[in-house]
Amino acid sequence: MKLFKIAYILFFGGLIFIYLYSQNLHPTKIAVCDITNDNGMGKYLCTFGTIKYFYKKENLCFITIENSSCSIKVVSFNCKSNFHKNQTLYVIGKLAYYKGEKEIIAKEMALFNLCE
C-alpha cells in the first residue's frame, strides 16, 4: 500500500513538472522595441523585423532586423538560407548580451510567420 502512495506521488509530481517545464518551451511573441531584460532574458522569444544588414560566412549569419525604428542583432550558428535586405524576417531565439549589446541567438529563422 505504501508503494502505491509513492508511485502516485511520483506520477502526479512528474506530470506537474512536465507541464511547468513545457510552458517555457513556447516562444513569447514580442515586438523588437519591447525586448528588455525583464521580459526576455533566458526565454525563447519570437519577433520579426525588416532586414537591414545581412552577412553570412559558411553556416554563421549576422543579421540586423528593424521594426518601428528599433533594431536588434540576430546571430545564427546554423544558417542555411540566404536572406536579403528589406525582407521581413521572423526569428525564434534566446536573448543574450554580447559586448554590452542585446542580441538574439536564433534557433529558427524564416520569411513566413513563425510566431503563430
N, C-alpha and C. Protein backbone atom coordinates (compact mmCIF):
# COMPACT_ATOMS: atom_id res chain seq x y z
N MET A 1 0.82 -1.19 0.00
CA MET A 1 0.00 0.00 0.00
C MET A 1 0.87 1.27 0.00
N LYS A 2 1.94 1.25 0.76
CA LYS A 2 2.84 2.38 0.83
C LYS A 2 3.52 2.62 -0.53
N LEU A 3 3.79 1.54 -1.25
CA LEU A 3 4.40 1.63 -2.58
C LEU A 3 3.48 2.33 -3.57
N PHE A 4 2.17 2.08 -3.47
CA PHE A 4 1.21 2.74 -4.35
C PHE A 4 1.15 4.25 -4.08
N LYS A 5 1.24 4.65 -2.83
CA LYS A 5 1.23 6.07 -2.49
C LYS A 5 2.45 6.77 -3.08
N ILE A 6 3.60 6.13 -2.96
CA ILE A 6 4.83 6.70 -3.53
C ILE A 6 4.72 6.80 -5.04
N ALA A 7 4.17 5.75 -5.67
CA ALA A 7 4.00 5.75 -7.12
C ALA A 7 3.07 6.87 -7.57
N TYR A 8 1.96 7.07 -6.86
CA TYR A 8 1.02 8.14 -7.21
C TYR A 8 1.67 9.52 -7.03
N ILE A 9 2.40 9.70 -5.96
CA ILE A 9 3.06 10.99 -5.72
C ILE A 9 4.08 11.28 -6.83
N LEU A 10 4.87 10.28 -7.19
CA LEU A 10 5.86 10.47 -8.26
C LEU A 10 5.19 10.71 -9.61
N PHE A 11 4.11 9.99 -9.87
CA PHE A 11 3.40 10.15 -11.14
C PHE A 11 2.84 11.56 -11.28
N PHE A 12 2.08 12.01 -10.30
CA PHE A 12 1.47 13.33 -10.38
C PHE A 12 2.51 14.45 -10.26
N GLY A 13 3.53 14.22 -9.47
CA GLY A 13 4.62 15.20 -9.40
C GLY A 13 5.32 15.34 -10.74
N GLY A 14 5.52 14.22 -11.42
CA GLY A 14 6.13 14.25 -12.75
C GLY A 14 5.28 14.97 -13.77
N LEU A 15 3.97 14.75 -13.71
CA LEU A 15 3.06 15.44 -14.63
C LEU A 15 3.09 16.96 -14.41
N ILE A 16 3.09 17.37 -13.16
CA ILE A 16 3.15 18.80 -12.85
C ILE A 16 4.46 19.39 -13.34
N PHE A 17 5.57 18.68 -13.13
CA PHE A 17 6.88 19.15 -13.60
C PHE A 17 6.90 19.29 -15.12
N ILE A 18 6.38 18.31 -15.83
CA ILE A 18 6.37 18.36 -17.31
C ILE A 18 5.52 19.53 -17.79
N TYR A 19 4.38 19.74 -17.15
CA TYR A 19 3.52 20.86 -17.55
C TYR A 19 4.24 22.19 -17.35
N LEU A 20 4.83 22.40 -16.19
CA LEU A 20 5.52 23.66 -15.91
C LEU A 20 6.73 23.86 -16.82
N TYR A 21 7.45 22.79 -17.10
CA TYR A 21 8.62 22.87 -17.99
C TYR A 21 8.19 23.21 -19.42
N SER A 22 7.08 22.64 -19.86
CA SER A 22 6.62 22.88 -21.24
C SER A 22 6.19 24.32 -21.45
N GLN A 23 5.81 25.04 -20.41
CA GLN A 23 5.41 26.43 -20.54
C GLN A 23 6.57 27.31 -20.99
N ASN A 24 7.80 26.92 -20.69
CA ASN A 24 8.98 27.68 -21.11
C ASN A 24 9.43 27.34 -22.52
N LEU A 25 8.89 26.29 -23.11
CA LEU A 25 9.34 25.87 -24.43
C LEU A 25 8.70 26.68 -25.55
N HIS A 26 7.54 27.26 -25.31
CA HIS A 26 6.85 28.03 -26.33
C HIS A 26 7.40 29.45 -26.32
N PRO A 27 7.76 29.96 -27.50
CA PRO A 27 8.30 31.31 -27.55
C PRO A 27 7.23 32.37 -27.27
N THR A 28 7.64 33.45 -26.66
CA THR A 28 6.77 34.58 -26.38
C THR A 28 6.86 35.55 -27.55
N LYS A 29 5.72 35.89 -28.14
CA LYS A 29 5.71 36.84 -29.25
C LYS A 29 5.89 38.25 -28.68
N ILE A 30 6.86 38.97 -29.22
CA ILE A 30 7.20 40.29 -28.69
C ILE A 30 7.76 41.17 -29.81
N ALA A 31 7.46 42.44 -29.76
CA ALA A 31 7.98 43.40 -30.74
C ALA A 31 9.43 43.72 -30.40
N VAL A 32 10.19 44.10 -31.40
CA VAL A 32 11.61 44.40 -31.21
C VAL A 32 11.79 45.52 -30.18
N CYS A 33 10.95 46.55 -30.22
CA CYS A 33 11.08 47.68 -29.29
C CYS A 33 10.76 47.29 -27.85
N ASP A 34 10.01 46.21 -27.66
CA ASP A 34 9.59 45.81 -26.31
C ASP A 34 10.55 44.81 -25.65
N ILE A 35 11.59 44.40 -26.33
CA ILE A 35 12.52 43.42 -25.77
C ILE A 35 13.38 44.10 -24.71
N THR A 36 13.28 43.62 -23.48
CA THR A 36 14.08 44.15 -22.37
C THR A 36 14.62 42.97 -21.57
N ASN A 37 15.46 43.27 -20.59
CA ASN A 37 15.99 42.22 -19.70
C ASN A 37 14.86 41.51 -18.97
N ASP A 38 13.86 42.28 -18.52
CA ASP A 38 12.81 41.73 -17.69
C ASP A 38 11.95 40.71 -18.43
N ASN A 39 11.65 40.96 -19.70
CA ASN A 39 10.74 40.05 -20.38
C ASN A 39 11.42 39.11 -21.35
N GLY A 40 12.74 39.14 -21.44
CA GLY A 40 13.36 38.31 -22.45
C GLY A 40 14.52 37.44 -22.04
N MET A 41 15.24 37.81 -20.99
CA MET A 41 16.44 37.07 -20.64
C MET A 41 16.14 35.62 -20.30
N GLY A 42 16.80 34.72 -21.01
CA GLY A 42 16.68 33.30 -20.72
C GLY A 42 15.43 32.63 -21.26
N LYS A 43 14.58 33.38 -21.96
CA LYS A 43 13.35 32.81 -22.51
C LYS A 43 13.43 32.81 -24.03
N TYR A 44 12.65 31.91 -24.62
CA TYR A 44 12.54 31.92 -26.07
C TYR A 44 11.59 33.03 -26.48
N LEU A 45 12.04 33.84 -27.43
CA LEU A 45 11.26 34.94 -27.96
C LEU A 45 10.97 34.69 -29.43
N CYS A 46 9.86 35.23 -29.87
CA CYS A 46 9.55 35.23 -31.29
C CYS A 46 9.30 36.67 -31.69
N THR A 47 10.06 37.16 -32.64
CA THR A 47 9.91 38.53 -33.10
C THR A 47 10.14 38.59 -34.60
N PHE A 48 9.91 39.75 -35.16
CA PHE A 48 10.13 39.92 -36.60
C PHE A 48 10.53 41.35 -36.88
N GLY A 49 11.11 41.53 -38.04
CA GLY A 49 11.50 42.86 -38.48
C GLY A 49 12.04 42.82 -39.90
N THR A 50 12.31 43.98 -40.41
CA THR A 50 12.86 44.12 -41.76
C THR A 50 14.38 44.01 -41.68
N ILE A 51 14.94 43.22 -42.56
CA ILE A 51 16.39 43.02 -42.58
C ILE A 51 17.08 44.29 -43.06
N LYS A 52 17.96 44.82 -42.22
CA LYS A 52 18.74 46.00 -42.59
C LYS A 52 20.20 45.65 -42.88
N TYR A 53 20.67 44.53 -42.32
CA TYR A 53 22.05 44.09 -42.53
C TYR A 53 22.06 42.57 -42.53
N PHE A 54 22.78 41.98 -43.48
CA PHE A 54 22.91 40.53 -43.55
C PHE A 54 24.32 40.17 -43.98
N TYR A 55 24.95 39.29 -43.20
CA TYR A 55 26.28 38.79 -43.54
C TYR A 55 26.31 37.30 -43.22
N LYS A 56 26.79 36.50 -44.17
CA LYS A 56 26.85 35.06 -43.98
C LYS A 56 28.23 34.54 -44.36
N LYS A 57 28.77 33.70 -43.48
CA LYS A 57 30.03 33.03 -43.75
C LYS A 57 29.85 31.59 -43.32
N GLU A 58 29.86 30.69 -44.29
CA GLU A 58 29.58 29.27 -44.07
C GLU A 58 28.22 29.14 -43.39
N ASN A 59 28.13 28.59 -42.19
CA ASN A 59 26.84 28.44 -41.51
C ASN A 59 26.58 29.52 -40.47
N LEU A 60 27.40 30.55 -40.43
CA LEU A 60 27.27 31.63 -39.45
C LEU A 60 26.64 32.85 -40.11
N CYS A 61 25.58 33.38 -39.49
CA CYS A 61 24.90 34.57 -40.03
C CYS A 61 24.86 35.67 -38.98
N PHE A 62 25.10 36.89 -39.43
CA PHE A 62 24.90 38.08 -38.62
C PHE A 62 23.86 38.93 -39.33
N ILE A 63 22.79 39.23 -38.62
CA ILE A 63 21.67 39.95 -39.22
C ILE A 63 21.25 41.06 -38.26
N THR A 64 20.84 42.19 -38.81
CA THR A 64 20.20 43.24 -38.02
C THR A 64 18.80 43.40 -38.57
N ILE A 65 17.81 43.27 -37.67
CA ILE A 65 16.43 43.49 -38.08
C ILE A 65 15.91 44.75 -37.39
N GLU A 66 14.98 45.43 -38.08
CA GLU A 66 14.43 46.67 -37.57
C GLU A 66 12.91 46.61 -37.65
N ASN A 67 12.27 47.14 -36.61
CA ASN A 67 10.82 47.19 -36.56
C ASN A 67 10.43 48.45 -35.80
N SER A 68 9.68 49.33 -36.39
CA SER A 68 9.23 50.58 -35.75
C SER A 68 10.40 51.39 -35.22
N SER A 69 11.41 51.57 -36.00
CA SER A 69 12.62 52.35 -35.70
C SER A 69 13.47 51.77 -34.57
N CYS A 70 13.18 50.56 -34.11
CA CYS A 70 14.02 49.86 -33.15
C CYS A 70 14.71 48.72 -33.88
N SER A 71 15.94 48.42 -33.50
CA SER A 71 16.65 47.35 -34.17
C SER A 71 17.32 46.44 -33.15
N ILE A 72 17.62 45.21 -33.59
CA ILE A 72 18.31 44.25 -32.75
C ILE A 72 19.15 43.36 -33.65
N LYS A 73 20.27 42.91 -33.12
CA LYS A 73 21.14 42.00 -33.87
C LYS A 73 20.66 40.57 -33.65
N VAL A 74 20.78 39.78 -34.70
CA VAL A 74 20.43 38.36 -34.65
C VAL A 74 21.65 37.58 -35.11
N VAL A 75 22.01 36.55 -34.35
CA VAL A 75 23.14 35.70 -34.70
C VAL A 75 22.62 34.27 -34.84
N SER A 76 23.00 33.61 -35.92
CA SER A 76 22.63 32.22 -36.11
C SER A 76 23.89 31.41 -36.41
N PHE A 77 24.06 30.33 -35.66
CA PHE A 77 25.22 29.46 -35.87
C PHE A 77 24.90 28.30 -36.80
N ASN A 78 23.66 28.25 -37.27
CA ASN A 78 23.23 27.18 -38.17
C ASN A 78 22.37 27.80 -39.28
N CYS A 79 22.94 28.74 -39.99
CA CYS A 79 22.22 29.49 -41.02
C CYS A 79 22.35 28.77 -42.35
N LYS A 80 21.23 28.33 -42.88
CA LYS A 80 21.25 27.59 -44.14
C LYS A 80 20.65 28.38 -45.30
N SER A 81 20.04 29.50 -45.01
CA SER A 81 19.37 30.28 -46.05
C SER A 81 20.09 31.60 -46.29
N ASN A 82 19.91 32.11 -47.48
CA ASN A 82 20.40 33.45 -47.80
C ASN A 82 19.21 34.40 -47.76
N PHE A 83 19.32 35.42 -46.95
CA PHE A 83 18.28 36.42 -46.86
C PHE A 83 18.80 37.70 -47.51
N HIS A 84 17.89 38.61 -47.80
CA HIS A 84 18.27 39.85 -48.46
C HIS A 84 17.70 41.04 -47.71
N LYS A 85 18.33 42.19 -47.91
CA LYS A 85 17.84 43.42 -47.29
C LYS A 85 16.39 43.67 -47.67
N ASN A 86 15.66 44.28 -46.74
CA ASN A 86 14.27 44.69 -46.90
C ASN A 86 13.27 43.53 -46.91
N GLN A 87 13.71 42.30 -46.65
CA GLN A 87 12.78 41.20 -46.45
C GLN A 87 12.33 41.21 -45.00
N THR A 88 11.11 40.72 -44.74
CA THR A 88 10.63 40.58 -43.37
C THR A 88 11.07 39.23 -42.86
N LEU A 89 11.81 39.24 -41.76
CA LEU A 89 12.36 38.00 -41.19
C LEU A 89 11.73 37.74 -39.82
N TYR A 90 11.27 36.52 -39.63
CA TYR A 90 10.74 36.06 -38.34
C TYR A 90 11.81 35.23 -37.66
N VAL A 91 12.01 35.48 -36.36
CA VAL A 91 13.09 34.84 -35.61
C VAL A 91 12.56 34.28 -34.30
N ILE A 92 12.95 33.05 -34.00
CA ILE A 92 12.73 32.46 -32.68
C ILE A 92 14.11 32.22 -32.10
N GLY A 93 14.33 32.70 -30.88
CA GLY A 93 15.63 32.52 -30.25
C GLY A 93 15.65 33.06 -28.84
N LYS A 94 16.83 33.02 -28.24
CA LYS A 94 17.01 33.49 -26.86
C LYS A 94 17.76 34.82 -26.86
N LEU A 95 17.35 35.69 -25.94
CA LEU A 95 18.01 36.97 -25.79
C LEU A 95 19.33 36.78 -25.05
N ALA A 96 20.37 37.43 -25.55
CA ALA A 96 21.69 37.35 -24.92
C ALA A 96 22.34 38.73 -25.01
N TYR A 97 23.42 38.88 -24.28
CA TYR A 97 24.22 40.10 -24.35
C TYR A 97 25.61 39.76 -24.85
N TYR A 98 26.11 40.56 -25.76
CA TYR A 98 27.47 40.40 -26.26
C TYR A 98 28.08 41.79 -26.33
N LYS A 99 29.15 41.99 -25.58
CA LYS A 99 29.83 43.28 -25.51
C LYS A 99 28.85 44.40 -25.16
N GLY A 100 27.96 44.12 -24.21
CA GLY A 100 27.03 45.13 -23.71
C GLY A 100 25.83 45.42 -24.57
N GLU A 101 25.67 44.71 -25.68
CA GLU A 101 24.53 44.95 -26.57
C GLU A 101 23.63 43.72 -26.61
N LYS A 102 22.32 43.99 -26.72
CA LYS A 102 21.35 42.91 -26.82
C LYS A 102 21.45 42.26 -28.20
N GLU A 103 21.32 40.95 -28.22
CA GLU A 103 21.21 40.23 -29.48
C GLU A 103 20.40 38.97 -29.25
N ILE A 104 19.84 38.45 -30.32
CA ILE A 104 19.08 37.21 -30.25
C ILE A 104 19.92 36.10 -30.87
N ILE A 105 20.10 35.02 -30.11
CA ILE A 105 20.75 33.83 -30.64
C ILE A 105 19.64 33.00 -31.27
N ALA A 106 19.61 32.94 -32.58
CA ALA A 106 18.48 32.35 -33.30
C ALA A 106 18.49 30.83 -33.23
N LYS A 107 17.31 30.29 -33.00
CA LYS A 107 17.08 28.86 -33.09
C LYS A 107 16.44 28.55 -34.45
N GLU A 108 15.49 29.41 -34.84
CA GLU A 108 14.82 29.28 -36.14
C GLU A 108 14.68 30.65 -36.76
N MET A 109 14.77 30.70 -38.09
CA MET A 109 14.54 31.93 -38.85
C MET A 109 13.81 31.57 -40.12
N ALA A 110 12.86 32.42 -40.52
CA ALA A 110 12.11 32.16 -41.74
C ALA A 110 11.49 33.45 -42.26
N LEU A 111 11.09 33.41 -43.51
CA LEU A 111 10.42 34.56 -44.12
C LEU A 111 8.91 34.48 -43.95
N PHE A 112 8.42 33.44 -43.30
CA PHE A 112 7.00 33.31 -43.01
C PHE A 112 6.80 33.38 -41.50
N ASN A 113 5.57 33.58 -41.07
CA ASN A 113 5.27 33.84 -39.65
C ASN A 113 5.47 32.59 -38.80
N LEU A 114 6.51 32.62 -37.98
CA LEU A 114 6.78 31.54 -37.03
C LEU A 114 6.10 31.77 -35.69
N CYS A 115 5.56 32.97 -35.49
CA CYS A 115 5.04 33.37 -34.19
C CYS A 115 3.60 32.93 -33.94
N GLU A 116 2.97 32.34 -34.89
CA GLU A 116 1.56 31.93 -34.69
C GLU A 116 1.45 30.61 -33.99
